[in-house]
Structures are given as C-alpha cells and as structure tokens.
Amino acid sequence: MRFGTRSLIALGGSAAAAAHVTGTETFVHATTAGTTTSVGGVSQMRGLVGEVTDAMSDPRASGTGTLTGNYDLHDGGGVQWGTYQLANAGGSWEGTWSGILYGSGPVEDCSVWLVGKGGYAGLSYYFHFHGSGGTYETDGLIFPGSPPAP
C-alpha cells in the first residue's frame, strides 16, 4: 500500500519529518564469522558480526552500519535475525532485523526496524531489503514516533 503526503497527514504523521527512502545496501565484510552447528537437521549459525554501507536517497538513512546475524537453515529455506546499527554525521539508528533465506544465492528478504539516536532522536526508520550476493535493494520510511509494538 502506498501513501502520499496527504495520506501521511491523515494518518497523523508529519509531512515535513516523514520521508520515503530508496537505495542499496552492500554487505562489506564479516568482522566475526560466527559459528555453525547442526541441530536435528537444521544448520544453525550464531554470532556473525558484519559491516554494511547504505547509499540511500535520504542522507539520514545513508552511512556505515554494523549488524549481528543468526540463522536457522532448513532444507529449502531458513529464517534469520539480529541487531542493526547505522551511523552517519547527523546521528544514528539502532534496532533489530529479521527475515528469510531461500533459493540459490541464497536470496534474502528482510525487514529492519530502527530508532533514531542523537540528531535522529524522536524518529524511527523502517526499511526492507531484498537480494543476494551482498548487494540489496532497499525501500523504507523515516517517520516521527516509535516503531509499532510487535
């Protein structure tokens, strides 16, 4: 569902603070590889720490990030989750991410919910990334307030 500026105002958002963002995220490298074990036929990886760079249409959502990652890989697909931090000269974002792995590559499809710190205090940033091979298409929204409760 897409919302225009008038729809955001009708939903109680501020058109001046809310911004739709698009761009790419690139996984630069793993600083900690994590460990993988097999439990009941499920490949479980825990403790990956990686560096990412985000190049987005809004400078508030661009910068260098650190993520932690875990996954449970079943035959045919898996689930993954972790924490996420993104920083730039204007402030930083912190929160969690989760998603799925499937197909060859594998393809990753994940959602990220972040809370603004410093210059971004009072804002939240949601984005979705999708792709494989370390470079992902992203689409999201910076908005005033807190992320919704799960």
Protein backbone atom coordinates (compact mmCIF):
# COMPACT_ATOMS: atom_id res chain seq x y z
CA MET A 1 0.00 0.00 0.00
CA ARG A 2 1.44 3.41 -0.94
CA PHE A 3 0.72 6.62 0.95
CA GLY A 4 1.16 10.11 -0.43
CA THR A 5 1.84 13.22 1.67
CA ARG A 6 -1.87 13.85 2.25
CA SER A 7 -2.34 10.25 3.40
CA LEU A 8 0.53 10.59 5.89
CA ILE A 9 -1.07 13.73 7.35
CA ALA A 10 -4.42 11.93 7.59
CA LEU A 11 -2.68 9.10 9.47
CA GLY A 12 -1.27 11.59 12.00
CA GLY A 13 2.24 11.81 10.52
CA SER A 14 4.16 14.98 9.77
CA ALA A 15 4.78 15.52 6.07
CA ALA A 16 7.93 17.52 6.94
CA ALA A 17 9.52 14.70 9.01
CA ALA A 18 8.33 11.61 7.12
CA ALA A 19 10.31 10.56 4.06
CA HIS A 20 10.16 7.56 1.74
CA VAL A 21 13.71 6.36 1.01
CA THR A 22 15.17 4.01 -1.59
CA GLY A 23 18.66 2.83 -2.40
CA THR A 24 21.09 -0.02 -1.89
CA GLU A 25 22.76 -1.77 0.99
CA THR A 26 26.08 -3.53 0.47
CA PHE A 27 27.48 -6.14 2.84
CA VAL A 28 31.16 -5.12 3.06
CA HIS A 29 32.62 -7.96 5.14
CA ALA A 30 32.19 -10.10 8.23
CA THR A 31 34.28 -8.92 11.17
CA THR A 32 33.28 -12.07 13.10
CA ALA A 33 32.27 -15.16 11.13
CA GLY A 34 30.01 -16.72 13.74
CA THR A 35 29.75 -20.44 14.42
CA THR A 36 27.63 -23.03 12.66
CA THR A 37 26.28 -26.23 14.16
CA SER A 38 23.73 -28.80 13.05
CA VAL A 39 20.83 -29.47 15.43
CA GLY A 40 18.21 -32.00 14.36
CA GLY A 41 19.00 -31.48 10.68
CA VAL A 42 18.84 -27.67 10.98
CA SER A 43 22.02 -25.70 10.26
CA GLN A 44 22.22 -23.04 12.96
CA MET A 45 24.62 -20.13 12.60
CA ARG A 46 25.08 -17.79 15.56
CA GLY A 47 27.18 -14.72 16.22
CA LEU A 48 28.03 -13.24 12.81
CA VAL A 49 29.09 -9.58 13.02
CA GLY A 50 29.28 -7.70 9.75
CA GLU A 51 29.80 -4.26 8.28
CA VAL A 52 27.41 -2.75 5.72
CA THR A 53 27.21 0.51 3.79
CA ASP A 54 23.88 2.06 2.86
CA ALA A 55 23.55 4.51 -0.04
CA MET A 56 20.02 5.88 0.20
CA SER A 57 18.01 8.71 -1.35
CA ASP A 58 17.87 10.49 2.06
CA PRO A 59 21.22 11.25 3.74
CA ARG A 60 19.72 10.41 7.16
CA ALA A 61 19.49 6.77 6.01
CA SER A 62 22.94 6.58 4.40
CA GLY A 63 26.10 5.55 6.20
CA THR A 64 28.07 2.69 7.66
CA GLY A 65 26.36 0.02 9.68
CA THR A 66 27.15 -2.91 11.93
CA LEU A 67 24.86 -5.88 12.17
CA THR A 68 24.78 -9.09 14.12
CA GLY A 69 23.29 -12.10 12.41
CA ASN A 70 21.92 -15.54 13.17
CA TYR A 71 20.08 -18.08 11.06
CA ASP A 72 18.34 -21.44 11.15
CA LEU A 73 18.65 -23.04 7.72
CA HIS A 74 16.21 -25.86 6.92
CA ASP A 75 16.09 -27.89 3.72
CA GLY A 76 14.63 -25.41 1.23
CA GLY A 77 14.94 -22.18 3.21
CA GLY A 78 15.56 -20.54 6.53
CA VAL A 79 14.93 -17.71 8.95
CA GLN A 80 17.42 -15.09 10.07
CA TRP A 81 17.55 -12.28 12.64
CA GLY A 82 19.84 -9.95 14.55
CA THR A 83 20.61 -6.40 15.64
CA TYR A 84 21.42 -3.43 13.44
CA GLN A 85 23.19 -0.08 13.94
CA LEU A 86 23.64 2.59 11.26
CA ALA A 87 25.55 5.85 11.77
CA ASN A 88 26.43 8.98 9.86
CA ALA A 89 27.39 12.59 10.68
CA GLY A 90 23.76 13.53 11.55
CA GLY A 91 23.04 10.79 14.10
CA SER A 92 22.49 7.06 14.34
CA TRP A 93 19.84 4.35 14.17
CA GLU A 94 19.59 1.20 16.32
CA GLY A 95 17.24 -1.74 16.32
CA THR A 96 16.54 -5.24 15.08
CA TRP A 97 16.05 -7.06 11.81
CA SER A 98 14.56 -10.38 10.74
CA GLY A 99 13.72 -12.18 7.54
CA ILE A 100 14.07 -15.25 5.39
CA LEU A 101 16.61 -17.03 3.16
CA TYR A 102 15.52 -19.07 0.15
CA GLY A 103 16.58 -20.28 -3.28
CA SER A 104 20.02 -20.24 -4.80
CA GLY A 105 22.34 -17.46 -3.84
CA PRO A 106 20.59 -17.52 -1.34
CA VAL A 107 18.04 -14.76 -1.74
CA GLU A 108 17.50 -12.73 1.42
CA ASP A 109 14.29 -10.85 2.20
CA CYS A 110 14.36 -8.90 5.48
CA SER A 111 12.72 -6.11 7.47
CA VAL A 112 14.58 -3.70 9.73
CA TRP A 113 13.05 -1.51 12.49
CA LEU A 114 15.33 1.22 13.88
CA VAL A 115 15.01 4.01 16.46
CA GLY A 116 16.84 7.31 15.95
CA LYS A 117 19.59 8.49 18.31
CA GLY A 118 21.40 11.82 18.54
CA GLY A 119 20.25 14.05 15.67
CA TYR A 120 17.57 11.49 14.74
CA ALA A 121 16.02 11.21 18.22
CA GLY A 122 12.22 11.12 18.01
CA LEU A 123 12.28 9.41 14.60
CA SER A 124 12.02 5.80 13.52
CA TYR A 125 13.30 4.21 10.34
CA TYR A 126 11.82 1.10 8.79
CA PHE A 127 13.34 -0.48 5.69
CA HIS A 128 13.05 -3.68 3.73
CA PHE A 129 15.99 -5.20 1.86
CA HIS A 130 15.90 -7.89 -0.78
CA GLY A 131 18.52 -9.55 -2.95
CA SER A 132 21.52 -11.85 -3.00
CA GLY A 133 25.26 -11.73 -3.44
CA GLY A 134 25.91 -8.98 -0.89
CA THR A 135 24.12 -6.07 -2.60
CA TYR A 136 20.49 -5.48 -1.74
CA GLU A 137 17.70 -3.22 -2.99
CA THR A 138 16.18 -1.25 -0.13
CA ASP A 139 12.93 0.63 0.32
CA GLY A 140 11.81 2.29 3.54
CA LEU A 141 10.33 5.14 5.53
CA ILE A 142 11.70 7.59 8.09
CA PHE A 143 8.82 8.74 10.30
CA PRO A 144 8.20 10.56 13.59
CA GLY A 145 7.48 8.45 16.66
CA SER A 146 8.27 4.90 17.74
CA PRO A 147 8.11 1.66 15.78
CA PRO A 148 4.88 -0.28 16.27
CA ALA A 149 4.77 -2.89 19.01
CA PRO A 150 5.08 -6.48 17.75
